[in-house]
Full PDB file with SEQRES, HELIX, SHEET, SSBOND, CRYST1, ORIGX, SCALE, CONECT and MASTER records, all heavy atoms in Angstrom:
SEQRES   1 A   39  GLU SER LEU SER ALA LYS PHE ARG ALA ILE SER ASP LEU          
SEQRES   2 A   39  CYS LYS THR PHE GLU ASN GLU ASN GLY ALA LEU LYS ASP          
SEQRES   3 A   39  ARG LEU VAL GLN ARG GLU GLN GLU MET GLN ALA LEU GLN          
HELIX    1 AA1 SER A    2  LEU A   38  1                                  37    
CRYST1    1.000    1.000    1.000  90.00  90.00  90.00 P 1           1          
ORIGX1      1.000000  0.000000  0.000000        0.00000                         
ORIGX2      0.000000  1.000000  0.000000        0.00000                         
ORIGX3      0.000000  0.000000  1.000000        0.00000                         
SCALE1      1.000000  0.000000  0.000000        0.00000                         
SCALE2      0.000000  1.000000  0.000000        0.00000                         
SCALE3      0.000000  0.000000  1.000000        0.00000                         
ATOM      1  N   GLU A   1      55.345 -39.488  17.973  1.00  0.00           N  
ATOM      2  CA  GLU A   1      54.656 -39.047  19.187  1.00  0.00           C  
ATOM      3  C   GLU A   1      54.790 -37.541  19.370  1.00  0.00           C  
ATOM      4  O   GLU A   1      53.842 -36.852  19.721  1.00  0.00           O  
ATOM      5  CB  GLU A   1      55.211 -39.797  20.393  1.00  0.00           C  
ATOM      6  CG  GLU A   1      54.779 -41.245  20.467  1.00  0.00           C  
ATOM      7  CD  GLU A   1      55.427 -42.001  21.614  1.00  0.00           C  
ATOM      8  OE1 GLU A   1      56.074 -41.352  22.481  1.00  0.00           O  
ATOM      9  OE2 GLU A   1      55.259 -43.223  21.662  1.00  0.00           O  
ATOM     10  N   SER A   2      55.983 -37.040  19.104  1.00  0.00           N  
ATOM     11  CA  SER A   2      56.234 -35.597  19.215  1.00  0.00           C  
ATOM     12  C   SER A   2      55.373 -34.831  18.221  1.00  0.00           C  
ATOM     13  O   SER A   2      54.745 -33.827  18.559  1.00  0.00           O  
ATOM     14  CB  SER A   2      57.704 -35.306  18.981  1.00  0.00           C  
ATOM     15  OG  SER A   2      57.943 -33.934  18.925  1.00  0.00           O  
ATOM     16  N   LEU A   3      55.361 -35.322  16.961  1.00  0.00           N  
ATOM     17  CA  LEU A   3      54.533 -34.657  15.943  1.00  0.00           C  
ATOM     18  C   LEU A   3      53.056 -34.732  16.281  1.00  0.00           C  
ATOM     19  O   LEU A   3      52.309 -33.780  16.099  1.00  0.00           O  
ATOM     20  CB  LEU A   3      54.787 -35.289  14.573  1.00  0.00           C  
ATOM     21  CG  LEU A   3      56.094 -34.909  13.907  1.00  0.00           C  
ATOM     22  CD1 LEU A   3      56.272 -35.705  12.611  1.00  0.00           C  
ATOM     23  CD2 LEU A   3      56.143 -33.434  13.622  1.00  0.00           C  
ATOM     24  N   SER A   4      52.613 -35.894  16.780  1.00  0.00           N  
ATOM     25  CA  SER A   4      51.213 -36.048  17.180  1.00  0.00           C  
ATOM     26  C   SER A   4      50.842 -35.071  18.292  1.00  0.00           C  
ATOM     27  O   SER A   4      49.796 -34.437  18.259  1.00  0.00           O  
ATOM     28  CB  SER A   4      50.917 -37.476  17.632  1.00  0.00           C  
ATOM     29  OG  SER A   4      51.061 -38.377  16.564  1.00  0.00           O  
ATOM     30  N   ALA A   5      51.739 -34.930  19.272  1.00  0.00           N  
ATOM     31  CA  ALA A   5      51.492 -34.014  20.380  1.00  0.00           C  
ATOM     32  C   ALA A   5      51.426 -32.573  19.868  1.00  0.00           C  
ATOM     33  O   ALA A   5      50.546 -31.801  20.253  1.00  0.00           O  
ATOM     34  CB  ALA A   5      52.568 -34.158  21.433  1.00  0.00           C  
ATOM     35  N   LYS A   6      52.371 -32.237  18.986  1.00  0.00           N  
ATOM     36  CA  LYS A   6      52.377 -30.877  18.424  1.00  0.00           C  
ATOM     37  C   LYS A   6      51.141 -30.635  17.577  1.00  0.00           C  
ATOM     38  O   LYS A   6      50.525 -29.575  17.633  1.00  0.00           O  
ATOM     39  CB  LYS A   6      53.644 -30.666  17.598  1.00  0.00           C  
ATOM     40  CG  LYS A   6      54.885 -30.516  18.436  1.00  0.00           C  
ATOM     41  CD  LYS A   6      56.118 -30.326  17.586  1.00  0.00           C  
ATOM     42  CE  LYS A   6      57.345 -30.255  18.460  1.00  0.00           C  
ATOM     43  NZ  LYS A   6      58.565 -30.043  17.662  1.00  0.00           N  
ATOM     44  N   PHE A   7      50.729 -31.634  16.816  1.00  0.00           N  
ATOM     45  CA  PHE A   7      49.527 -31.514  15.997  1.00  0.00           C  
ATOM     46  C   PHE A   7      48.293 -31.304  16.865  1.00  0.00           C  
ATOM     47  O   PHE A   7      47.452 -30.458  16.575  1.00  0.00           O  
ATOM     48  CB  PHE A   7      49.361 -32.729  15.077  1.00  0.00           C  
ATOM     49  CG  PHE A   7      48.132 -32.646  14.227  1.00  0.00           C  
ATOM     50  CD1 PHE A   7      48.109 -31.829  13.116  1.00  0.00           C  
ATOM     51  CD2 PHE A   7      46.998 -33.373  14.571  1.00  0.00           C  
ATOM     52  CE1 PHE A   7      46.971 -31.735  12.339  1.00  0.00           C  
ATOM     53  CE2 PHE A   7      45.864 -33.287  13.786  1.00  0.00           C  
ATOM     54  CZ  PHE A   7      45.846 -32.467  12.661  1.00  0.00           C  
ATOM     55  N   ARG A   8      48.191 -32.101  17.954  1.00  0.00           N  
ATOM     56  CA  ARG A   8      47.045 -31.933  18.856  1.00  0.00           C  
ATOM     57  C   ARG A   8      47.037 -30.548  19.486  1.00  0.00           C  
ATOM     58  O   ARG A   8      46.003 -29.918  19.613  1.00  0.00           O  
ATOM     59  CB  ARG A   8      47.088 -33.024  19.946  1.00  0.00           C  
ATOM     60  CG  ARG A   8      46.540 -34.368  19.469  1.00  0.00           C  
ATOM     61  CD  ARG A   8      46.331 -35.321  20.626  1.00  0.00           C  
ATOM     62  NE  ARG A   8      47.553 -35.589  21.402  1.00  0.00           N  
ATOM     63  CZ  ARG A   8      48.463 -36.504  21.089  1.00  0.00           C  
ATOM     64  NH1 ARG A   8      48.289 -37.260  20.027  1.00  0.00           N  
ATOM     65  NH2 ARG A   8      49.535 -36.671  21.839  1.00  0.00           N  
ATOM     66  N   ALA A   9      48.206 -30.065  19.866  1.00  0.00           N  
ATOM     67  CA  ALA A   9      48.311 -28.730  20.467  1.00  0.00           C  
ATOM     68  C   ALA A   9      47.886 -27.671  19.472  1.00  0.00           C  
ATOM     69  O   ALA A   9      47.127 -26.749  19.821  1.00  0.00           O  
ATOM     70  CB  ALA A   9      49.737 -28.470  20.970  1.00  0.00           C  
ATOM     71  N   ILE A  10      48.358 -27.793  18.236  1.00  0.00           N  
ATOM     72  CA  ILE A  10      47.987 -26.824  17.213  1.00  0.00           C  
ATOM     73  C   ILE A  10      46.502 -26.928  16.893  1.00  0.00           C  
ATOM     74  O   ILE A  10      45.806 -25.927  16.727  1.00  0.00           O  
ATOM     75  CB  ILE A  10      48.845 -27.048  15.940  1.00  0.00           C  
ATOM     76  CG1 ILE A  10      50.275 -26.622  16.209  1.00  0.00           C  
ATOM     77  CG2 ILE A  10      48.273 -26.269  14.756  1.00  0.00           C  
ATOM     78  CD1 ILE A  10      51.245 -26.956  15.094  1.00  0.00           C  
ATOM     79  N   SER A  11      45.998 -28.150  16.843  1.00  0.00           N  
ATOM     80  CA  SER A  11      44.561 -28.364  16.589  1.00  0.00           C  
ATOM     81  C   SER A  11      43.720 -27.756  17.686  1.00  0.00           C  
ATOM     82  O   SER A  11      42.720 -27.093  17.418  1.00  0.00           O  
ATOM     83  CB  SER A  11      44.293 -29.856  16.450  1.00  0.00           C  
ATOM     84  OG  SER A  11      42.930 -30.094  16.236  1.00  0.00           O  
ATOM     85  N   ASP A  12      44.114 -27.974  18.937  1.00  0.00           N  
ATOM     86  CA  ASP A  12      43.384 -27.388  20.070  1.00  0.00           C  
ATOM     87  C   ASP A  12      43.429 -25.861  20.019  1.00  0.00           C  
ATOM     88  O   ASP A  12      42.415 -25.195  20.260  1.00  0.00           O  
ATOM     89  CB  ASP A  12      43.963 -27.884  21.403  1.00  0.00           C  
ATOM     90  CG  ASP A  12      43.692 -29.362  21.639  1.00  0.00           C  
ATOM     91  OD1 ASP A  12      42.789 -29.919  20.959  1.00  0.00           O  
ATOM     92  OD2 ASP A  12      44.352 -29.962  22.514  1.00  0.00           O  
ATOM     93  N   LEU A  13      44.594 -25.341  19.692  1.00  0.00           N  
ATOM     94  CA  LEU A  13      44.743 -23.894  19.596  1.00  0.00           C  
ATOM     95  C   LEU A  13      43.860 -23.345  18.475  1.00  0.00           C  
ATOM     96  O   LEU A  13      43.221 -22.305  18.632  1.00  0.00           O  
ATOM     97  CB  LEU A  13      46.216 -23.546  19.363  1.00  0.00           C  
ATOM     98  CG  LEU A  13      46.594 -22.074  19.420  1.00  0.00           C  
ATOM     99  CD1 LEU A  13      46.279 -21.496  20.790  1.00  0.00           C  
ATOM    100  CD2 LEU A  13      48.073 -21.909  19.116  1.00  0.00           C  
ATOM    101  N   CYS A  14      43.838 -24.060  17.360  1.00  0.00           N  
ATOM    102  CA  CYS A  14      42.997 -23.646  16.237  1.00  0.00           C  
ATOM    103  C   CYS A  14      41.521 -23.652  16.631  1.00  0.00           C  
ATOM    104  O   CYS A  14      40.789 -22.702  16.315  1.00  0.00           O  
ATOM    105  CB  CYS A  14      43.240 -24.583  15.047  1.00  0.00           C  
ATOM    106  SG  CYS A  14      42.321 -24.129  13.560  1.00  0.00           S  
ATOM    107  N   LYS A  15      41.065 -24.682  17.344  1.00  0.00           N  
ATOM    108  CA  LYS A  15      39.675 -24.748  17.805  1.00  0.00           C  
ATOM    109  C   LYS A  15      39.367 -23.595  18.755  1.00  0.00           C  
ATOM    110  O   LYS A  15      38.299 -22.996  18.681  1.00  0.00           O  
ATOM    111  CB  LYS A  15      39.400 -26.090  18.479  1.00  0.00           C  
ATOM    112  CG  LYS A  15      39.326 -27.247  17.508  1.00  0.00           C  
ATOM    113  CD  LYS A  15      39.115 -28.577  18.215  1.00  0.00           C  
ATOM    114  CE  LYS A  15      39.188 -29.729  17.227  1.00  0.00           C  
ATOM    115  NZ  LYS A  15      39.117 -31.030  17.887  1.00  0.00           N  
ATOM    116  N   THR A  16      40.314 -23.300  19.627  1.00  0.00           N  
ATOM    117  CA  THR A  16      40.139 -22.181  20.553  1.00  0.00           C  
ATOM    118  C   THR A  16      39.970 -20.883  19.793  1.00  0.00           C  
ATOM    119  O   THR A  16      39.081 -20.073  20.089  1.00  0.00           O  
ATOM    120  CB  THR A  16      41.328 -22.087  21.522  1.00  0.00           C  
ATOM    121  OG1 THR A  16      41.455 -23.327  22.235  1.00  0.00           O  
ATOM    122  CG2 THR A  16      41.159 -20.948  22.494  1.00  0.00           C  
ATOM    123  N   PHE A  17      40.831 -20.658  18.798  1.00  0.00           N  
ATOM    124  CA  PHE A  17      40.732 -19.450  17.983  1.00  0.00           C  
ATOM    125  C   PHE A  17      39.445 -19.401  17.198  1.00  0.00           C  
ATOM    126  O   PHE A  17      38.842 -18.339  17.030  1.00  0.00           O  
ATOM    127  CB  PHE A  17      41.949 -19.305  17.074  1.00  0.00           C  
ATOM    128  CG  PHE A  17      43.213 -18.892  17.777  1.00  0.00           C  
ATOM    129  CD1 PHE A  17      44.417 -19.433  17.428  1.00  0.00           C  
ATOM    130  CD2 PHE A  17      43.187 -17.951  18.785  1.00  0.00           C  
ATOM    131  CE1 PHE A  17      45.585 -19.050  18.053  1.00  0.00           C  
ATOM    132  CE2 PHE A  17      44.335 -17.546  19.434  1.00  0.00           C  
ATOM    133  CZ  PHE A  17      45.548 -18.107  19.075  1.00  0.00           C  
ATOM    134  N   GLU A  18      39.024 -20.541  16.670  1.00  0.00           N  
ATOM    135  CA  GLU A  18      37.757 -20.574  15.921  1.00  0.00           C  
ATOM    136  C   GLU A  18      36.589 -20.236  16.831  1.00  0.00           C  
ATOM    137  O   GLU A  18      35.685 -19.469  16.444  1.00  0.00           O  
ATOM    138  CB  GLU A  18      37.542 -21.959  15.302  1.00  0.00           C  
ATOM    139  CG  GLU A  18      38.420 -22.238  14.100  1.00  0.00           C  
ATOM    140  CD  GLU A  18      38.309 -23.658  13.585  1.00  0.00           C  
ATOM    141  OE1 GLU A  18      37.703 -24.506  14.268  1.00  0.00           O  
ATOM    142  OE2 GLU A  18      38.849 -23.939  12.496  1.00  0.00           O  
ATOM    143  N   ASN A  19      36.589 -20.774  18.061  1.00  0.00           N  
ATOM    144  CA  ASN A  19      35.514 -20.451  19.007  1.00  0.00           C  
ATOM    145  C   ASN A  19      35.537 -18.969  19.380  1.00  0.00           C  
ATOM    146  O   ASN A  19      34.485 -18.320  19.422  1.00  0.00           O  
ATOM    147  CB  ASN A  19      35.635 -21.305  20.277  1.00  0.00           C  
ATOM    148  CG  ASN A  19      35.333 -22.760  20.004  1.00  0.00           C  
ATOM    149  OD1 ASN A  19      34.660 -23.108  19.051  1.00  0.00           O  
ATOM    150  ND2 ASN A  19      35.857 -23.642  20.870  1.00  0.00           N  
ATOM    151  N   GLU A  20      36.718 -18.450  19.627  1.00  0.00           N  
ATOM    152  CA  GLU A  20      36.842 -17.030  19.959  1.00  0.00           C  
ATOM    153  C   GLU A  20      36.407 -16.153  18.783  1.00  0.00           C  
ATOM    154  O   GLU A  20      35.716 -15.152  18.963  1.00  0.00           O  
ATOM    155  CB  GLU A  20      38.286 -16.700  20.366  1.00  0.00           C  
ATOM    156  CG  GLU A  20      38.476 -15.275  20.824  1.00  0.00           C  
ATOM    157  CD  GLU A  20      39.910 -14.989  21.249  1.00  0.00           C  
ATOM    158  OE1 GLU A  20      40.737 -15.916  21.298  1.00  0.00           O  
ATOM    159  OE2 GLU A  20      40.190 -13.801  21.512  1.00  0.00           O  
ATOM    160  N   ASN A  21      36.800 -16.562  17.579  1.00  0.00           N  
ATOM    161  CA  ASN A  21      36.416 -15.825  16.391  1.00  0.00           C  
ATOM    162  C   ASN A  21      34.898 -15.814  16.233  1.00  0.00           C  
ATOM    163  O   ASN A  21      34.304 -14.783  15.912  1.00  0.00           O  
ATOM    164  CB  ASN A  21      37.089 -16.441  15.159  1.00  0.00           C  
ATOM    165  CG  ASN A  21      36.927 -15.579  13.920  1.00  0.00           C  
ATOM    166  OD1 ASN A  21      36.726 -14.375  14.005  1.00  0.00           O  
ATOM    167  ND2 ASN A  21      37.003 -16.222  12.765  1.00  0.00           N  
ATOM    168  N   GLY A  22      34.259 -16.973  16.463  1.00  0.00           N  
ATOM    169  CA  GLY A  22      32.806 -17.047  16.374  1.00  0.00           C  
ATOM    170  C   GLY A  22      32.145 -16.142  17.404  1.00  0.00           C  
ATOM    171  O   GLY A  22      31.169 -15.447  17.095  1.00  0.00           O  
ATOM    172  N   ALA A  23      32.662 -16.148  18.619  1.00  0.00           N  
ATOM    173  CA  ALA A  23      32.099 -15.295  19.674  1.00  0.00           C  
ATOM    174  C   ALA A  23      32.275 -13.823  19.309  1.00  0.00           C  
ATOM    175  O   ALA A  23      31.347 -13.006  19.506  1.00  0.00           O  
ATOM    176  CB  ALA A  23      32.780 -15.597  21.013  1.00  0.00           C  
ATOM    177  N   LEU A  24      33.426 -13.483  18.769  1.00  0.00           N  
ATOM    178  CA  LEU A  24      33.672 -12.082  18.366  1.00  0.00           C  
ATOM    179  C   LEU A  24      32.742 -11.659  17.214  1.00  0.00           C  
ATOM    180  O   LEU A  24      32.261 -10.535  17.186  1.00  0.00           O  
ATOM    181  CB  LEU A  24      35.136 -11.883  17.992  1.00  0.00           C  
ATOM    182  CG  LEU A  24      36.120 -11.926  19.157  1.00  0.00           C  
ATOM    183  CD1 LEU A  24      37.541 -11.894  18.625  1.00  0.00           C  
ATOM    184  CD2 LEU A  24      35.877 -10.783  20.127  1.00  0.00           C  
ATOM    185  N   LYS A  25      32.504 -12.585  16.284  1.00  0.00           N  
ATOM    186  CA  LYS A  25      31.591 -12.278  15.177  1.00  0.00           C  
ATOM    187  C   LYS A  25      30.171 -12.064  15.709  1.00  0.00           C  
ATOM    188  O   LYS A  25      29.466 -11.151  15.251  1.00  0.00           O  
ATOM    189  CB  LYS A  25      31.606 -13.404  14.147  1.00  0.00           C  
ATOM    190  CG  LYS A  25      32.825 -13.393  13.258  1.00  0.00           C  
ATOM    191  CD  LYS A  25      32.798 -14.500  12.243  1.00  0.00           C  
ATOM    192  CE  LYS A  25      34.031 -14.467  11.368  1.00  0.00           C  
ATOM    193  NZ  LYS A  25      34.035 -15.540  10.364  1.00  0.00           N  
ATOM    194  N   ASP A  26      29.762 -12.896  16.669  1.00  0.00           N  
ATOM    195  CA  ASP A  26      28.438 -12.727  17.281  1.00  0.00           C  
ATOM    196  C   ASP A  26      28.335 -11.382  17.981  1.00  0.00           C  
ATOM    197  O   ASP A  26      27.322 -10.678  17.849  1.00  0.00           O  
ATOM    198  CB  ASP A  26      28.159 -13.850  18.284  1.00  0.00           C  
ATOM    199  CG  ASP A  26      27.953 -15.200  17.602  1.00  0.00           C  
ATOM    200  OD1 ASP A  26      27.710 -15.230  16.371  1.00  0.00           O  
ATOM    201  OD2 ASP A  26      28.038 -16.241  18.306  1.00  0.00           O  
ATOM    202  N   ARG A  27      29.382 -11.015  18.704  1.00  0.00           N  
ATOM    203  CA  ARG A  27      29.384  -9.704  19.381  1.00  0.00           C  
ATOM    204  C   ARG A  27      29.334  -8.574  18.377  1.00  0.00           C  
ATOM    205  O   ARG A  27      28.650  -7.555  18.599  1.00  0.00           O  
ATOM    206  CB  ARG A  27      30.621  -9.558  20.260  1.00  0.00           C  
ATOM    207  CG  ARG A  27      30.520 -10.340  21.558  1.00  0.00           C  
ATOM    208  CD  ARG A  27      31.765 -10.192  22.425  1.00  0.00           C  
ATOM    209  NE  ARG A  27      32.021  -8.801  22.761  1.00  0.00           N  
ATOM    210  CZ  ARG A  27      33.169  -8.365  23.243  1.00  0.00           C  
ATOM    211  NH1 ARG A  27      34.166  -9.212  23.447  1.00  0.00           N  
ATOM    212  NH2 ARG A  27      33.323  -7.110  23.535  1.00  0.00           N  
ATOM    213  N   LEU A  28      30.043  -8.729  17.260  1.00  0.00           N  
ATOM    214  CA  LEU A  28      30.041  -7.685  16.230  1.00  0.00           C  
ATOM    215  C   LEU A  28      28.643  -7.523  15.646  1.00  0.00           C  
ATOM    216  O   LEU A  28      28.172  -6.392  15.475  1.00  0.00           O  
ATOM    217  CB  LEU A  28      31.040  -8.045  15.123  1.00  0.00           C  
ATOM    218  CG  LEU A  28      31.138  -7.077  13.956  1.00  0.00           C  
ATOM    219  CD1 LEU A  28      31.608  -5.704  14.432  1.00  0.00           C  
ATOM    220  CD2 LEU A  28      32.050  -7.626  12.888  1.00  0.00           C  
ATOM    221  N   VAL A  29      27.978  -8.621  15.346  1.00  0.00           N  
ATOM    222  CA  VAL A  29      26.614  -8.547  14.802  1.00  0.00           C  
ATOM    223  C   VAL A  29      25.689  -7.876  15.795  1.00  0.00           C  
ATOM    224  O   VAL A  29      24.884  -7.007  15.449  1.00  0.00           O  
ATOM    225  CB  VAL A  29      26.098  -9.968  14.441  1.00  0.00           C  
ATOM    226  CG1 VAL A  29      24.613  -9.958  14.182  1.00  0.00           C  
ATOM    227  CG2 VAL A  29      26.855 -10.503  13.235  1.00  0.00           C  
ATOM    228  N   GLN A  30      25.839  -8.241  17.075  1.00  0.00           N  
ATOM    229  CA  GLN A  30      25.007  -7.637  18.117  1.00  0.00           C  
ATOM    230  C   GLN A  30      25.267  -6.135  18.222  1.00  0.00           C  
ATOM    231  O   GLN A  30      24.320  -5.356  18.307  1.00  0.00           O  
ATOM    232  CB  GLN A  30      25.302  -8.297  19.462  1.00  0.00           C  
ATOM    233  CG  GLN A  30      24.455  -7.817  20.598  1.00  0.00           C  
ATOM    234  CD  GLN A  30      24.824  -8.476  21.923  1.00  0.00           C  
ATOM    235  OE1 GLN A  30      25.818  -9.189  22.017  1.00  0.00           O  
ATOM    236  NE2 GLN A  30      24.021  -8.250  22.932  1.00  0.00           N  
ATOM    237  N   ARG A  31      26.514  -5.742  18.174  1.00  0.00           N  
ATOM    238  CA  ARG A  31      26.844  -4.307  18.244  1.00  0.00           C  
ATOM    239  C   ARG A  31      26.328  -3.552  17.023  1.00  0.00           C  
ATOM    240  O   ARG A  31      25.870  -2.406  17.138  1.00  0.00           O  
ATOM    241  CB  ARG A  31      28.363  -4.101  18.379  1.00  0.00           C  
ATOM    242  CG  ARG A  31      28.972  -4.616  19.653  1.00  0.00           C  
ATOM    243  CD  ARG A  31      28.439  -3.896  20.884  1.00  0.00           C  
ATOM    244  NE  ARG A  31      29.127  -4.293  22.069  1.00  0.00           N  
ATOM    245  CZ  ARG A  31      28.641  -5.094  22.997  1.00  0.00           C  
ATOM    246  NH1 ARG A  31      27.427  -5.583  22.867  1.00  0.00           N  
ATOM    247  NH2 ARG A  31      29.346  -5.407  24.066  1.00  0.00           N  
ATOM    248  N   GLU A  32      26.410  -4.191  15.850  1.00  0.00           N  
ATOM    249  CA  GLU A  32      25.887  -3.538  14.647  1.00  0.00           C  
ATOM    250  C   GLU A  32      24.372  -3.342  14.746  1.00  0.00           C  
ATOM    251  O   GLU A  32      23.862  -2.303  14.340  1.00  0.00           O  
ATOM    252  CB  GLU A  32      26.245  -4.351  13.408  1.00  0.00           C  
ATOM    253  CG  GLU A  32      27.717  -4.249  13.023  1.00  0.00           C  
ATOM    254  CD  GLU A  32      28.109  -5.178  11.894  1.00  0.00           C  
ATOM    255  OE1 GLU A  32      27.331  -6.072  11.537  1.00  0.00           O  
ATOM    256  OE2 GLU A  32      29.215  -4.995  11.355  1.00  0.00           O  
ATOM    257  N   GLN A  33      23.672  -4.336  15.300  1.00  0.00           N  
ATOM    258  CA  GLN A  33      22.232  -4.197  15.468  1.00  0.00           C  
ATOM    259  C   GLN A  33      21.920  -3.100  16.472  1.00  0.00           C  
ATOM    260  O   GLN A  33      20.997  -2.297  16.266  1.00  0.00           O  
ATOM    261  CB  GLN A  33      21.624  -5.526  15.931  1.00  0.00           C  
ATOM    262  CG  GLN A  33      21.626  -6.582  14.856  1.00  0.00           C  
ATOM    263  CD  GLN A  33      21.208  -7.963  15.389  1.00  0.00           C  
ATOM    264  OE1 GLN A  33      21.137  -8.177  16.592  1.00  0.00           O  
ATOM    265  NE2 GLN A  33      20.937  -8.881  14.479  1.00  0.00           N  
ATOM    266  N   GLU A  34      22.664  -3.043  17.566  1.00  0.00           N  
ATOM    267  CA  GLU A  34      22.474  -1.980  18.541  1.00  0.00           C  
ATOM    268  C   GLU A  34      22.733  -0.621  17.917  1.00  0.00           C  
ATOM    269  O   GLU A  34      22.014   0.335  18.155  1.00  0.00           O  
ATOM    270  CB  GLU A  34      23.392  -2.186  19.742  1.00  0.00           C  
ATOM    271  CG  GLU A  34      23.031  -3.340  20.625  1.00  0.00           C  
ATOM    272  CD  GLU A  34      24.070  -3.594  21.723  1.00  0.00           C  
ATOM    273  OE1 GLU A  34      25.047  -2.825  21.837  1.00  0.00           O  
ATOM    274  OE2 GLU A  34      23.888  -4.580  22.446  1.00  0.00           O  
ATOM    275  N   MET A  35      23.784  -0.530  17.099  1.00  0.00           N  
ATOM    276  CA  MET A  35      24.129   0.716  16.454  1.00  0.00           C  
ATOM    277  C   MET A  35      23.027   1.150  15.497  1.00  0.00           C  
ATOM    278  O   MET A  35      22.659   2.344  15.445  1.00  0.00           O  
ATOM    279  CB  MET A  35      25.465   0.592  15.709  1.00  0.00           C  
ATOM    280  CG  MET A  35      25.968   1.921  15.182  1.00  0.00           C  
ATOM    281  SD  MET A  35      27.593   1.833  14.448  1.00  0.00           S  
ATOM    282  CE  MET A  35      27.249   0.980  12.923  1.00  0.00           C  
ATOM    283  N   GLN A  36      22.463   0.212  14.740  1.00  0.00           N  
ATOM    284  CA  GLN A  36      21.355   0.543  13.829  1.00  0.00           C  
ATOM    285  C   GLN A  36      20.142   1.041  14.602  1.00  0.00           C  
ATOM    286  O   GLN A  36      19.498   2.008  14.196  1.00  0.00           O  
ATOM    287  CB  GLN A  36      20.983  -0.660  12.974  1.00  0.00           C  
ATOM    288  CG  GLN A  36      22.007  -0.989  11.905  1.00  0.00           C  
ATOM    289  CD  GLN A  36      21.677  -2.279  11.160  1.00  0.00           C  
ATOM    290  OE1 GLN A  36      20.776  -3.010  11.531  1.00  0.00           O  
ATOM    291  NE2 GLN A  36      22.420  -2.544  10.091  1.00  0.00           N  
ATOM    292  N   ALA A  37      19.825   0.380  15.701  1.00  0.00           N  
ATOM    293  CA  ALA A  37      18.674   0.802  16.533  1.00  0.00           C  
ATOM    294  C   ALA A  37      18.913   2.197  17.097  1.00  0.00           C  
ATOM    295  O   ALA A  37      18.012   3.046  17.096  1.00  0.00           O  
ATOM    296  CB  ALA A  37      18.438  -0.210  17.656  1.00  0.00           C  
ATOM    297  N   LEU A  38      20.139   2.441  17.578  1.00  0.00           N  
ATOM    298  CA  LEU A  38      20.464   3.773  18.112  1.00  0.00           C  
ATOM    299  C   LEU A  38      20.439   4.847  17.026  1.00  0.00           C  
ATOM    300  O   LEU A  38      19.979   5.957  17.271  1.00  0.00           O  
ATOM    301  CB  LEU A  38      21.828   3.742  18.814  1.00  0.00           C  
ATOM    302  CG  LEU A  38      21.881   2.989  20.130  1.00  0.00           C  
ATOM    303  CD1 LEU A  38      23.317   2.869  20.630  1.00  0.00           C  
ATOM    304  CD2 LEU A  38      21.003   3.658  21.176  1.00  0.00           C  
ATOM    305  N   GLN A  39      20.906   4.489  15.832  1.00  0.00           N  
ATOM    306  CA  GLN A  39      20.878   5.446  14.729  1.00  0.00           C  
ATOM    307  C   GLN A  39      19.447   5.785  14.356  1.00  0.00           C  
ATOM    308  O   GLN A  39      19.115   6.944  14.093  1.00  0.00           O  
ATOM    309  CB  GLN A  39      21.637   4.883  13.500  1.00  0.00           C  
ATOM    310  CG  GLN A  39      21.724   5.851  12.337  1.00  0.00           C  
ATOM    311  CD  GLN A  39      22.518   7.106  12.647  1.00  0.00           C  
ATOM    312  OE1 GLN A  39      23.580   7.026  13.263  1.00  0.00           O  
ATOM    313  NE2 GLN A  39      22.035   8.245  12.225  1.00  0.00           N  
TER     314      GLN A  39                                                      
MASTER        0    0    0    1    0    0    0    6  313    1    0    3          
END                                                                             
């Protein structure tokens, strides 16, 4: 039960980081496009 709880917590944390990483990648692409347009 302890391991399952820890695994779920790590899994949730991993999903959170993956979502944040995806959002940051989207922002990066958007900023690069803005930078190209400004250039």
